[in-house]
Amino acid sequence: MNENLLERFGRARRAFRPEREQAQVWILPSTLNLRIRNYFQPSTVPIHGSAWLSRPAVPSTEEILDTDTASSNSADIVEIVPNKPQGAWESKEAYLSAQYELLREDALQPLRMAVARMRITPEGNEETFCASIGIYDKASELPPAAIRPTY
């Protein structure tokens, strides 16, 4: 390829630096960006509002196993405010609460069903469930301190 080029690349010349010249390296202490700290500071303050704001992001074992006695939800009956696709909601808080509950139930119901199927057939593998359930044996949950940002 490119045999007709006359240009030849020679051996690279070593960088010439007189012996009296030395490179200086300064290691500065790391500084914290206070703007980032101030941005995340309000997220540590507890919010006093509706019940859905205080619910944990990760569902509890009782909630997944459907043994949650604090809630009236069971596997057959789920009490959720229905979505209102037309018209105005009573308040912004009612809208956000309903949407949060709907999305949470959309995420939890398949997980509840998969856990129930696994409890019925504990020795089953992915082929037993027609690859509709992924089973990971060596999974562990990170402690909450490992998830939260440190600043």
N, C-alpha and C. Protein backbone atom coordinates (compact mmCIF):
# COMPACT_ATOMS: atom_id res chain seq x y z
N MET A 1 0.84 -1.17 0.00
CA MET A 1 0.00 0.00 0.00
C MET A 1 0.89 1.24 0.00
N ASN A 2 0.63 2.19 -0.82
CA ASN A 2 1.37 3.46 -0.91
C ASN A 2 2.86 3.24 -1.21
N GLU A 3 3.16 2.32 -2.13
CA GLU A 3 4.57 2.07 -2.46
C GLU A 3 5.21 3.24 -3.17
N ASN A 4 4.42 4.04 -3.83
CA ASN A 4 4.96 5.13 -4.63
C ASN A 4 5.30 6.38 -3.82
N LEU A 5 5.03 6.38 -2.53
CA LEU A 5 5.38 7.54 -1.70
C LEU A 5 6.89 7.60 -1.52
N LEU A 6 7.44 8.79 -1.68
CA LEU A 6 8.88 8.97 -1.53
C LEU A 6 9.26 9.29 -0.09
N GLU A 7 8.29 9.69 0.69
CA GLU A 7 8.59 10.10 2.06
C GLU A 7 8.93 8.88 2.90
N ARG A 8 9.98 8.96 3.62
CA ARG A 8 10.39 7.88 4.51
C ARG A 8 10.39 8.42 5.93
N PHE A 9 9.99 7.58 6.82
CA PHE A 9 9.98 7.98 8.23
C PHE A 9 11.23 7.45 8.89
N GLY A 10 11.99 8.36 9.43
CA GLY A 10 13.22 7.96 10.10
C GLY A 10 12.96 7.63 11.56
N ARG A 11 14.00 7.22 12.19
CA ARG A 11 13.92 6.91 13.60
C ARG A 11 13.66 8.19 14.39
N ALA A 12 12.81 8.12 15.36
CA ALA A 12 12.46 9.30 16.15
C ALA A 12 13.66 9.79 16.93
N ARG A 13 13.82 11.10 16.97
CA ARG A 13 14.92 11.67 17.74
C ARG A 13 14.51 11.73 19.20
N ARG A 14 15.46 11.45 20.04
CA ARG A 14 15.18 11.55 21.47
C ARG A 14 15.10 13.03 21.85
N ALA A 15 14.19 13.31 22.72
CA ALA A 15 14.02 14.70 23.15
C ALA A 15 15.30 15.16 23.85
N PHE A 16 15.80 16.28 23.41
CA PHE A 16 17.02 16.81 23.98
C PHE A 16 16.67 17.73 25.14
N ARG A 17 17.23 17.40 26.30
CA ARG A 17 17.01 18.23 27.48
C ARG A 17 18.36 18.34 28.20
N PRO A 18 18.79 19.55 28.42
CA PRO A 18 20.07 19.69 29.15
C PRO A 18 19.96 19.08 30.54
N GLU A 19 21.09 18.60 31.05
CA GLU A 19 21.09 17.91 32.34
C GLU A 19 20.72 18.83 33.49
N ARG A 20 21.02 20.09 33.40
CA ARG A 20 20.71 20.99 34.50
C ARG A 20 19.21 21.28 34.60
N GLU A 21 18.48 21.01 33.53
CA GLU A 21 17.04 21.25 33.53
C GLU A 21 16.33 20.02 34.09
N GLN A 22 15.49 20.22 35.05
CA GLN A 22 14.73 19.11 35.63
C GLN A 22 13.26 19.48 35.67
N ALA A 23 12.45 18.49 35.52
CA ALA A 23 11.01 18.72 35.58
C ALA A 23 10.59 18.82 37.04
N GLN A 24 9.72 19.75 37.33
CA GLN A 24 9.22 19.90 38.68
C GLN A 24 7.78 19.42 38.73
N VAL A 25 7.49 18.61 39.73
CA VAL A 25 6.14 18.08 39.90
C VAL A 25 5.61 18.61 41.22
N TRP A 26 4.49 19.24 41.16
CA TRP A 26 3.84 19.75 42.36
C TRP A 26 2.60 18.92 42.61
N ILE A 27 2.49 18.37 43.77
CA ILE A 27 1.30 17.62 44.15
C ILE A 27 0.50 18.50 45.10
N LEU A 28 -0.64 18.94 44.60
CA LEU A 28 -1.49 19.83 45.39
C LEU A 28 -2.53 19.02 46.14
N PRO A 29 -2.93 19.47 47.31
CA PRO A 29 -3.99 18.75 48.02
C PRO A 29 -5.31 18.87 47.25
N SER A 30 -6.10 17.81 47.33
CA SER A 30 -7.38 17.85 46.63
C SER A 30 -8.31 18.84 47.33
N THR A 31 -9.05 19.54 46.54
CA THR A 31 -9.99 20.52 47.09
C THR A 31 -11.41 20.06 46.79
N LEU A 32 -12.28 20.34 47.71
CA LEU A 32 -13.68 19.99 47.53
C LEU A 32 -14.40 21.14 46.83
N ASN A 33 -15.24 20.79 45.93
CA ASN A 33 -16.04 21.80 45.25
C ASN A 33 -17.26 22.08 46.12
N LEU A 34 -17.30 23.24 46.71
CA LEU A 34 -18.38 23.59 47.64
C LEU A 34 -19.71 23.75 46.93
N ARG A 35 -19.70 24.06 45.64
CA ARG A 35 -20.96 24.17 44.91
C ARG A 35 -21.65 22.81 44.82
N ILE A 36 -20.87 21.76 44.65
CA ILE A 36 -21.46 20.42 44.60
C ILE A 36 -22.02 20.05 45.97
N ARG A 37 -21.28 20.35 47.01
CA ARG A 37 -21.76 20.05 48.36
C ARG A 37 -23.05 20.81 48.66
N ASN A 38 -23.09 22.08 48.29
CA ASN A 38 -24.30 22.88 48.53
C ASN A 38 -25.47 22.39 47.70
N TYR A 39 -25.19 21.83 46.53
CA TYR A 39 -26.26 21.31 45.68
C TYR A 39 -26.92 20.10 46.32
N PHE A 40 -26.13 19.21 46.93
CA PHE A 40 -26.66 17.99 47.52
C PHE A 40 -27.13 18.18 48.96
N GLN A 41 -26.80 19.27 49.58
CA GLN A 41 -27.16 19.49 50.98
C GLN A 41 -28.66 19.41 51.24
N PRO A 42 -29.52 20.01 50.44
CA PRO A 42 -30.96 19.92 50.72
C PRO A 42 -31.52 18.50 50.64
N SER A 43 -30.84 17.60 49.93
CA SER A 43 -31.36 16.24 49.80
C SER A 43 -31.22 15.45 51.10
N THR A 44 -30.42 15.92 52.04
CA THR A 44 -30.28 15.21 53.32
C THR A 44 -31.32 15.65 54.34
N VAL A 45 -32.00 16.74 54.07
CA VAL A 45 -33.02 17.23 54.99
C VAL A 45 -34.30 16.42 54.79
N PRO A 46 -34.89 15.90 55.87
CA PRO A 46 -36.12 15.12 55.70
C PRO A 46 -37.26 15.99 55.18
N ILE A 47 -38.04 15.40 54.30
CA ILE A 47 -39.16 16.12 53.69
C ILE A 47 -40.43 15.73 54.42
N HIS A 48 -41.17 16.72 54.84
CA HIS A 48 -42.45 16.46 55.49
C HIS A 48 -43.54 16.66 54.44
N GLY A 49 -44.14 15.56 54.04
CA GLY A 49 -45.16 15.65 53.01
C GLY A 49 -46.02 14.40 53.05
N SER A 50 -46.46 13.99 51.91
CA SER A 50 -47.34 12.83 51.80
C SER A 50 -46.61 11.54 52.17
N ALA A 51 -47.40 10.49 52.32
CA ALA A 51 -46.84 9.20 52.71
C ALA A 51 -45.94 8.62 51.63
N TRP A 52 -46.23 8.90 50.37
CA TRP A 52 -45.43 8.31 49.30
C TRP A 52 -44.01 8.86 49.28
N LEU A 53 -43.79 10.05 49.82
CA LEU A 53 -42.45 10.61 49.87
C LEU A 53 -41.55 9.89 50.87
N SER A 54 -42.15 9.32 51.90
CA SER A 54 -41.35 8.65 52.92
C SER A 54 -41.16 7.17 52.66
N ARG A 55 -41.75 6.64 51.60
CA ARG A 55 -41.59 5.22 51.29
C ARG A 55 -40.19 4.97 50.76
N PRO A 56 -39.57 3.86 51.15
CA PRO A 56 -38.22 3.57 50.66
C PRO A 56 -38.24 3.22 49.17
N ALA A 57 -37.14 3.51 48.49
CA ALA A 57 -37.05 3.21 47.06
C ALA A 57 -36.97 1.70 46.82
N VAL A 58 -36.31 0.99 47.72
CA VAL A 58 -36.19 -0.47 47.60
C VAL A 58 -37.32 -1.09 48.41
N PRO A 59 -38.11 -1.97 47.80
CA PRO A 59 -39.23 -2.57 48.53
C PRO A 59 -38.75 -3.50 49.64
N SER A 60 -39.55 -3.59 50.69
CA SER A 60 -39.19 -4.46 51.81
C SER A 60 -39.48 -5.91 51.45
N THR A 61 -38.94 -6.82 52.26
CA THR A 61 -39.18 -8.25 52.05
C THR A 61 -40.65 -8.57 52.18
N GLU A 62 -41.31 -7.96 53.16
CA GLU A 62 -42.74 -8.20 53.36
C GLU A 62 -43.55 -7.76 52.14
N GLU A 63 -43.12 -6.66 51.54
CA GLU A 63 -43.82 -6.15 50.38
C GLU A 63 -43.65 -7.08 49.17
N ILE A 64 -42.47 -7.65 49.01
CA ILE A 64 -42.21 -8.56 47.89
C ILE A 64 -42.88 -9.91 48.13
N LEU A 65 -42.81 -10.42 49.37
CA LEU A 65 -43.43 -11.71 49.67
C LEU A 65 -44.93 -11.60 49.85
N ASP A 66 -45.45 -10.40 49.81
CA ASP A 66 -46.88 -10.12 49.96
C ASP A 66 -47.39 -10.54 51.33
N THR A 67 -46.58 -10.32 52.35
CA THR A 67 -46.99 -10.57 53.73
C THR A 67 -47.04 -9.27 54.51
N ASP A 68 -47.10 -8.17 53.82
CA ASP A 68 -47.11 -6.85 54.44
C ASP A 68 -48.46 -6.62 55.11
N THR A 69 -48.47 -6.64 56.44
CA THR A 69 -49.72 -6.44 57.17
C THR A 69 -50.04 -4.96 57.36
N ALA A 70 -49.03 -4.11 57.19
CA ALA A 70 -49.28 -2.67 57.33
C ALA A 70 -50.11 -2.14 56.17
N SER A 71 -50.03 -2.83 55.06
CA SER A 71 -50.79 -2.43 53.88
C SER A 71 -51.95 -3.39 53.69
N SER A 72 -53.04 -2.88 53.14
CA SER A 72 -54.19 -3.74 52.91
C SER A 72 -54.09 -4.46 51.57
N ASN A 73 -52.99 -4.23 50.84
CA ASN A 73 -52.82 -4.88 49.55
C ASN A 73 -52.54 -6.36 49.74
N SER A 74 -53.14 -7.18 48.93
CA SER A 74 -52.81 -8.60 48.89
C SER A 74 -52.56 -8.96 47.44
N ALA A 75 -52.26 -10.22 47.20
CA ALA A 75 -51.94 -10.63 45.83
C ALA A 75 -53.14 -10.46 44.91
N ASP A 76 -54.35 -10.59 45.43
CA ASP A 76 -55.54 -10.51 44.59
C ASP A 76 -56.09 -9.09 44.48
N ILE A 77 -55.98 -8.32 45.55
CA ILE A 77 -56.57 -6.99 45.58
C ILE A 77 -55.45 -5.96 45.78
N VAL A 78 -55.36 -5.04 44.86
CA VAL A 78 -54.39 -3.96 44.97
C VAL A 78 -55.16 -2.66 44.98
N GLU A 79 -55.02 -1.92 46.07
CA GLU A 79 -55.75 -0.66 46.20
C GLU A 79 -54.87 0.50 45.76
N ILE A 80 -55.11 0.94 44.55
CA ILE A 80 -54.35 2.05 43.98
C ILE A 80 -55.34 3.03 43.39
N VAL A 81 -55.02 4.28 43.50
CA VAL A 81 -55.85 5.31 42.88
C VAL A 81 -55.73 5.13 41.37
N PRO A 82 -56.84 5.04 40.67
CA PRO A 82 -56.74 4.87 39.21
C PRO A 82 -56.20 6.12 38.53
N ASN A 83 -55.55 5.88 37.41
CA ASN A 83 -55.01 7.00 36.65
C ASN A 83 -56.16 7.80 36.04
N LYS A 84 -55.93 9.07 35.91
CA LYS A 84 -56.96 9.97 35.38
C LYS A 84 -56.40 10.59 34.10
N PRO A 85 -56.59 9.91 32.95
CA PRO A 85 -55.96 10.42 31.73
C PRO A 85 -56.57 11.71 31.20
N GLN A 86 -57.81 11.99 31.57
CA GLN A 86 -58.45 13.23 31.09
C GLN A 86 -58.93 14.04 32.29
N GLY A 87 -58.82 15.31 32.16
CA GLY A 87 -59.28 16.19 33.23
C GLY A 87 -58.17 16.52 34.21
N ALA A 88 -58.46 17.46 35.07
CA ALA A 88 -57.48 17.93 36.04
C ALA A 88 -57.55 17.11 37.32
N TRP A 89 -56.43 16.97 37.97
CA TRP A 89 -56.37 16.32 39.28
C TRP A 89 -56.74 17.35 40.34
N GLU A 90 -57.04 16.85 41.54
CA GLU A 90 -57.40 17.75 42.64
C GLU A 90 -56.23 18.65 43.00
N SER A 91 -55.03 18.07 42.99
CA SER A 91 -53.84 18.85 43.33
C SER A 91 -52.63 18.20 42.68
N LYS A 92 -51.54 18.93 42.71
CA LYS A 92 -50.29 18.39 42.19
C LYS A 92 -49.84 17.21 43.04
N GLU A 93 -50.04 17.31 44.34
CA GLU A 93 -49.66 16.24 45.27
C GLU A 93 -50.44 14.96 44.99
N ALA A 94 -51.74 15.07 44.71
CA ALA A 94 -52.55 13.89 44.40
C ALA A 94 -52.07 13.24 43.10
N TYR A 95 -51.72 14.05 42.12
CA TYR A 95 -51.23 13.52 40.85
C TYR A 95 -49.91 12.78 41.04
N LEU A 96 -48.96 13.41 41.73
CA LEU A 96 -47.65 12.78 41.94
C LEU A 96 -47.77 11.51 42.77
N SER A 97 -48.62 11.52 43.78
CA SER A 97 -48.82 10.34 44.61
C SER A 97 -49.39 9.19 43.80
N ALA A 98 -50.39 9.47 42.98
CA ALA A 98 -51.01 8.42 42.16
C ALA A 98 -50.03 7.86 41.15
N GLN A 99 -49.27 8.72 40.50
CA GLN A 99 -48.31 8.25 39.50
C GLN A 99 -47.21 7.42 40.15
N TYR A 100 -46.75 7.83 41.33
CA TYR A 100 -45.73 7.06 42.03
C TYR A 100 -46.26 5.68 42.40
N GLU A 101 -47.46 5.61 42.94
CA GLU A 101 -48.03 4.32 43.33
C GLU A 101 -48.25 3.42 42.12
N LEU A 102 -48.70 3.99 41.01
CA LEU A 102 -48.90 3.19 39.79
C LEU A 102 -47.58 2.64 39.26
N LEU A 103 -46.56 3.48 39.22
CA LEU A 103 -45.26 3.02 38.73
C LEU A 103 -44.63 2.00 39.67
N ARG A 104 -44.80 2.20 40.97
CA ARG A 104 -44.25 1.25 41.94
C ARG A 104 -44.94 -0.10 41.80
N GLU A 105 -46.25 -0.09 41.63
CA GLU A 105 -46.97 -1.36 41.47
C GLU A 105 -46.61 -2.04 40.15
N ASP A 106 -46.41 -1.26 39.10
CA ASP A 106 -45.97 -1.83 37.82
C ASP A 106 -44.63 -2.53 37.95
N ALA A 107 -43.76 -2.02 38.80
CA ALA A 107 -42.45 -2.64 38.99
C ALA A 107 -42.51 -3.81 39.96
N LEU A 108 -43.35 -3.72 41.00
CA LEU A 108 -43.36 -4.76 42.03
C LEU A 108 -44.18 -5.99 41.68
N GLN A 109 -45.25 -5.84 40.94
CA GLN A 109 -46.12 -6.98 40.66
C GLN A 109 -45.39 -8.11 39.93
N PRO A 110 -44.61 -7.85 38.87
CA PRO A 110 -43.87 -8.96 38.25
C PRO A 110 -42.84 -9.58 39.19
N LEU A 111 -42.24 -8.76 40.06
CA LEU A 111 -41.29 -9.30 41.03
C LEU A 111 -41.99 -10.19 42.04
N ARG A 112 -43.16 -9.77 42.52
CA ARG A 112 -43.95 -10.60 43.44
C ARG A 112 -44.31 -11.94 42.80
N MET A 113 -44.75 -11.89 41.54
CA MET A 113 -45.14 -13.12 40.86
C MET A 113 -43.94 -14.05 40.67
N ALA A 114 -42.78 -13.50 40.32
CA ALA A 114 -41.58 -14.32 40.13
C ALA A 114 -41.14 -14.95 41.45
N VAL A 115 -41.19 -14.19 42.53
CA VAL A 115 -40.80 -14.74 43.84
C VAL A 115 -41.79 -15.83 44.26
N ALA A 116 -43.08 -15.62 44.02
CA ALA A 116 -44.07 -16.65 44.36
C ALA A 116 -43.83 -17.92 43.56
N ARG A 117 -43.52 -17.79 42.27
CA ARG A 117 -43.24 -18.98 41.46
C ARG A 117 -41.98 -19.68 41.93
N MET A 118 -40.97 -18.91 42.34
CA MET A 118 -39.74 -19.53 42.85
C MET A 118 -39.97 -20.22 44.18
N ARG A 119 -40.87 -19.70 44.99
CA ARG A 119 -41.14 -20.35 46.28
C ARG A 119 -41.91 -21.65 46.09
N ILE A 120 -42.72 -21.72 45.03
CA ILE A 120 -43.44 -22.96 44.74
C ILE A 120 -42.48 -24.01 44.21
N THR A 121 -41.55 -23.61 43.35
CA THR A 121 -40.57 -24.53 42.76
C THR A 121 -39.17 -24.02 43.10
N PRO A 122 -38.69 -24.25 44.33
CA PRO A 122 -37.39 -23.68 44.72
C PRO A 122 -36.20 -24.30 44.01
N GLU A 123 -36.33 -25.54 43.55
CA GLU A 123 -35.19 -26.19 42.88
C GLU A 123 -35.17 -25.89 41.38
N GLY A 124 -36.10 -25.08 40.91
CA GLY A 124 -36.18 -24.76 39.48
C GLY A 124 -35.05 -23.85 39.04
N ASN A 125 -34.76 -23.91 37.75
CA ASN A 125 -33.77 -23.01 37.17
C ASN A 125 -34.44 -22.21 36.06
N GLU A 126 -33.67 -21.48 35.30
CA GLU A 126 -34.26 -20.59 34.30
C GLU A 126 -35.03 -21.37 33.23
N GLU A 127 -34.57 -22.58 32.90
CA GLU A 127 -35.28 -23.39 31.90
C GLU A 127 -36.63 -23.87 32.43
N THR A 128 -36.73 -24.08 33.73
CA THR A 128 -38.00 -24.50 34.32
C THR A 128 -39.09 -23.46 34.08
N PHE A 129 -38.71 -22.20 34.11
CA PHE A 129 -39.67 -21.11 33.96
C PHE A 129 -39.66 -20.53 32.54
N CYS A 130 -39.19 -21.31 31.57
CA CYS A 130 -39.15 -20.90 30.15
C CYS A 130 -38.39 -19.59 29.97
N ALA A 131 -37.35 -19.41 30.74
CA ALA A 131 -36.48 -18.21 30.67
C ALA A 131 -37.25 -16.92 30.92
N SER A 132 -38.38 -17.00 31.62
CA SER A 132 -39.11 -15.78 31.95
C SER A 132 -38.65 -15.20 33.28
N ILE A 133 -37.88 -15.98 34.03
CA ILE A 133 -37.34 -15.51 35.31
C ILE A 133 -35.83 -15.71 35.27
N GLY A 134 -35.07 -14.65 35.50
CA GLY A 134 -33.62 -14.76 35.59
C GLY A 134 -33.22 -15.00 37.03
N ILE A 135 -32.40 -16.02 37.26
CA ILE A 135 -32.03 -16.40 38.62
C ILE A 135 -30.53 -16.16 38.78
N TYR A 136 -30.17 -15.36 39.78
CA TYR A 136 -28.78 -15.08 40.08
C TYR A 136 -28.50 -15.58 41.48
N ASP A 137 -27.60 -16.55 41.59
CA ASP A 137 -27.32 -17.17 42.89
C ASP A 137 -26.43 -16.30 43.77
N LYS A 138 -25.43 -15.70 43.18
CA LYS A 138 -24.41 -15.01 43.99
C LYS A 138 -24.61 -13.50 43.98
N ALA A 139 -25.83 -13.07 44.12
CA ALA A 139 -26.13 -11.63 44.16
C ALA A 139 -26.27 -11.20 45.62
N SER A 140 -25.84 -9.99 45.90
CA SER A 140 -26.00 -9.46 47.25
C SER A 140 -26.39 -8.00 47.15
N GLU A 141 -27.06 -7.54 48.17
CA GLU A 141 -27.52 -6.16 48.21
C GLU A 141 -26.44 -5.31 48.86
N LEU A 142 -26.17 -4.16 48.26
CA LEU A 142 -25.21 -3.24 48.83
C LEU A 142 -25.82 -2.53 50.02
N PRO A 143 -25.03 -2.26 51.04
CA PRO A 143 -25.57 -1.48 52.16
C PRO A 143 -25.88 -0.06 51.68
N PRO A 144 -26.86 0.59 52.29
CA PRO A 144 -27.24 1.94 51.85
C PRO A 144 -26.09 2.93 51.86
N ALA A 145 -25.11 2.75 52.75
CA ALA A 145 -23.98 3.68 52.80
C ALA A 145 -23.14 3.59 51.53
N ALA A 146 -23.12 2.43 50.87
CA ALA A 146 -22.34 2.28 49.65
C ALA A 146 -23.01 2.94 48.46
N ILE A 147 -24.30 3.18 48.55
CA ILE A 147 -25.04 3.76 47.44
C ILE A 147 -25.05 5.28 47.52
N ARG A 148 -25.11 5.82 48.71
CA ARG A 148 -25.20 7.27 48.90
C ARG A 148 -23.90 7.95 48.49
N PRO A 149 -24.00 9.10 47.85
CA PRO A 149 -22.77 9.82 47.48
C PRO A 149 -22.09 10.38 48.72
N THR A 150 -20.78 10.34 48.72
CA THR A 150 -20.02 10.94 49.82
C THR A 150 -19.42 12.24 49.31
N TYR A 151 -19.58 13.28 50.08
CA TYR A 151 -19.03 14.58 49.68
C TYR A 151 -18.55 15.34 50.84
